[in-house]
């Protein structure tokens, strides 16, 4: 089952276009977004 945090990360990755940009937006590391 997907949780809210995973959904937020997925949507942010889709909007940002890359894991590194999504990590920057989410104030976290790239490895935690993957």
PDB file of N, CA and C in Angstrom:
ATOM      1  N   UNK A   1       0.831  -1.182   0.000  1.00  0.00           N
ATOM      2  CA  UNK A   1       0.000   0.000   0.000  1.00  0.00           C
ATOM      3  C   UNK A   1       0.881   1.252   0.000  1.00  0.00           C
ATOM      4  N   UNK A   2       0.527   2.218  -0.786  1.00  0.00           N
ATOM      5  CA  UNK A   2       1.290   3.469  -0.864  1.00  0.00           C
ATOM      6  C   UNK A   2       0.843   4.414   0.259  1.00  0.00           C
ATOM      7  N   UNK A   3       1.807   5.101   0.847  1.00  0.00           N
ATOM      8  CA  UNK A   3       1.443   6.053   1.896  1.00  0.00           C
ATOM      9  C   UNK A   3       1.555   7.485   1.365  1.00  0.00           C
ATOM     10  N   UNK A   4       1.150   8.440   2.167  1.00  0.00           N
ATOM     11  CA  UNK A   4       1.105   9.841   1.754  1.00  0.00           C
ATOM     12  C   UNK A   4       2.496  10.372   1.391  1.00  0.00           C
ATOM     13  N   UNK A   5       3.505  10.002   2.154  1.00  0.00           N
ATOM     14  CA  UNK A   5       4.869  10.473   1.884  1.00  0.00           C
ATOM     15  C   UNK A   5       5.351   9.985   0.518  1.00  0.00           C
ATOM     16  N   UNK A   6       5.112   8.716   0.205  1.00  0.00           N
ATOM     17  CA  UNK A   6       5.516   8.167  -1.087  1.00  0.00           C
ATOM     18  C   UNK A   6       4.780   8.866  -2.227  1.00  0.00           C
ATOM     19  N   UNK A   7       3.509   9.135  -2.030  1.00  0.00           N
ATOM     20  CA  UNK A   7       2.716   9.818  -3.049  1.00  0.00           C
ATOM     21  C   UNK A   7       3.231  11.234  -3.274  1.00  0.00           C
ATOM     22  N   UNK A   8       3.557  11.926  -2.192  1.00  0.00           N
ATOM     23  CA  UNK A   8       4.106  13.279  -2.291  1.00  0.00           C
ATOM     24  C   UNK A   8       5.426  13.263  -3.055  1.00  0.00           C
ATOM     25  N   UNK A   9       6.297  12.300  -2.754  1.00  0.00           N
ATOM     26  CA  UNK A   9       7.578  12.184  -3.444  1.00  0.00           C
ATOM     27  C   UNK A   9       7.365  11.893  -4.925  1.00  0.00           C
ATOM     28  N   UNK A  10       6.437  11.012  -5.245  1.00  0.00           N
ATOM     29  CA  UNK A  10       6.153  10.662  -6.636  1.00  0.00           C
ATOM     30  C   UNK A  10       5.667  11.873  -7.426  1.00  0.00           C
ATOM     31  N   UNK A  11       4.725  12.602  -6.868  1.00  0.00           N
ATOM     32  CA  UNK A  11       4.173  13.781  -7.546  1.00  0.00           C
ATOM     33  C   UNK A  11       5.246  14.850  -7.725  1.00  0.00           C
ATOM     34  N   UNK A  12       6.065  15.049  -6.703  1.00  0.00           N
ATOM     35  CA  UNK A  12       7.133  16.044  -6.789  1.00  0.00           C
ATOM     36  C   UNK A  12       8.154  15.655  -7.849  1.00  0.00           C
ATOM     37  N   UNK A  13       8.491  14.382  -7.944  1.00  0.00           N
ATOM     38  CA  UNK A  13       9.418  13.915  -8.986  1.00  0.00           C
ATOM     39  C   UNK A  13       8.837  14.165 -10.376  1.00  0.00           C
ATOM     40  N   UNK A  14       7.574  13.882 -10.537  1.00  0.00           N
ATOM     41  CA  UNK A  14       6.929  14.095 -11.833  1.00  0.00           C
ATOM     42  C   UNK A  14       6.917  15.576 -12.196  1.00  0.00           C
ATOM     43  N   UNK A  15       6.621  16.427 -11.246  1.00  0.00           N
ATOM     44  CA  UNK A  15       6.589  17.871 -11.493  1.00  0.00           C
ATOM     45  C   UNK A  15       7.985  18.433 -11.749  1.00  0.00           C
ATOM     46  N   UNK A  16       8.957  17.981 -10.974  1.00  0.00           N
ATOM     47  CA  UNK A  16      10.316  18.520 -11.067  1.00  0.00           C
ATOM     48  C   UNK A  16      11.066  17.989 -12.290  1.00  0.00           C
ATOM     49  N   UNK A  17      10.770  16.771 -12.681  1.00  0.00           N
ATOM     50  CA  UNK A  17      11.434  16.195 -13.839  1.00  0.00           C
ATOM     51  C   UNK A  17      12.715  15.441 -13.539  1.00  0.00           C
ATOM     52  N   UNK A  18      13.163  15.474 -12.286  1.00  0.00           N
ATOM     53  CA  UNK A  18      14.364  14.723 -11.910  1.00  0.00           C
ATOM     54  C   UNK A  18      14.355  14.450 -10.413  1.00  0.00           C
ATOM     55  N   UNK A  19      15.091  13.403 -10.028  1.00  0.00           N
ATOM     56  CA  UNK A  19      15.187  13.063  -8.609  1.00  0.00           C
ATOM     57  C   UNK A  19      15.928  14.142  -7.831  1.00  0.00           C
ATOM     58  N   UNK A  20      16.979  14.682  -8.431  1.00  0.00           N
ATOM     59  CA  UNK A  20      17.771  15.684  -7.709  1.00  0.00           C
ATOM     60  C   UNK A  20      16.982  16.966  -7.478  1.00  0.00           C
ATOM     61  N   UNK A  21      16.216  17.394  -8.460  1.00  0.00           N
ATOM     62  CA  UNK A  21      15.391  18.596  -8.290  1.00  0.00           C
ATOM     63  C   UNK A  21      14.276  18.341  -7.277  1.00  0.00           C
ATOM     64  N   UNK A  22      13.678  17.160  -7.322  1.00  0.00           N
ATOM     65  CA  UNK A  22      12.635  16.811  -6.359  1.00  0.00           C
ATOM     66  C   UNK A  22      13.193  16.787  -4.943  1.00  0.00           C
ATOM     67  N   UNK A  23      14.379  16.245  -4.781  1.00  0.00           N
ATOM     68  CA  UNK A  23      15.012  16.207  -3.465  1.00  0.00           C
ATOM     69  C   UNK A  23      15.245  17.613  -2.940  1.00  0.00           C
ATOM     70  N   UNK A  24      15.655  18.509  -3.813  1.00  0.00           N
ATOM     71  CA  UNK A  24      15.872  19.900  -3.418  1.00  0.00           C
ATOM     72  C   UNK A  24      14.564  20.546  -2.964  1.00  0.00           C
ATOM     73  N   UNK A  25      13.505  20.322  -3.706  1.00  0.00           N
ATOM     74  CA  UNK A  25      12.192  20.882  -3.363  1.00  0.00           C
ATOM     75  C   UNK A  25      11.681  20.316  -2.041  1.00  0.00           C
ATOM     76  N   UNK A  26      11.931  19.028  -1.804  1.00  0.00           N
ATOM     77  CA  UNK A  26      11.439  18.355  -0.602  1.00  0.00           C
ATOM     78  C   UNK A  26      12.379  18.497   0.604  1.00  0.00           C
ATOM     79  N   UNK A  27      13.506  19.197   0.415  1.00  0.00           N
ATOM     80  CA  UNK A  27      14.503  19.378   1.485  1.00  0.00           C
ATOM     81  C   UNK A  27      14.962  18.036   2.060  1.00  0.00           C
ATOM     82  N   UNK A  28      15.323  17.127   1.152  1.00  0.00           N
ATOM     83  CA  UNK A  28      15.805  15.814   1.559  1.00  0.00           C
ATOM     84  C   UNK A  28      16.911  15.374   0.602  1.00  0.00           C
ATOM     85  N   UNK A  29      17.460  14.206   0.820  1.00  0.00           N
ATOM     86  CA  UNK A  29      18.518  13.717  -0.057  1.00  0.00           C
ATOM     87  C   UNK A  29      17.921  13.001  -1.262  1.00  0.00           C
ATOM     88  N   UNK A  30      18.706  12.942  -2.324  1.00  0.00           N
ATOM     89  CA  UNK A  30      18.256  12.283  -3.537  1.00  0.00           C
ATOM     90  C   UNK A  30      17.992  10.797  -3.298  1.00  0.00           C
ATOM     91  N   UNK A  31      18.805  10.161  -2.477  1.00  0.00           N
ATOM     92  CA  UNK A  31      18.636   8.728  -2.234  1.00  0.00           C
ATOM     93  C   UNK A  31      17.328   8.407  -1.511  1.00  0.00           C
ATOM     94  N   UNK A  32      16.821   9.318  -0.706  1.00  0.00           N
ATOM     95  CA  UNK A  32      15.554   9.052  -0.020  1.00  0.00           C
ATOM     96  C   UNK A  32      14.355   9.238  -0.942  1.00  0.00           C
ATOM     97  N   UNK A  33      14.536   9.988  -2.017  1.00  0.00           N
ATOM     98  CA  UNK A  33      13.455  10.186  -2.986  1.00  0.00           C
ATOM     99  C   UNK A  33      13.339   8.984  -3.913  1.00  0.00           C
ATOM    100  N   UNK A  34      14.465   8.367  -4.227  1.00  0.00           N
ATOM    101  CA  UNK A  34      14.457   7.200  -5.103  1.00  0.00           C
ATOM    102  C   UNK A  34      13.770   6.085  -4.411  1.00  0.00           C
TER     103      UNK A  34
END
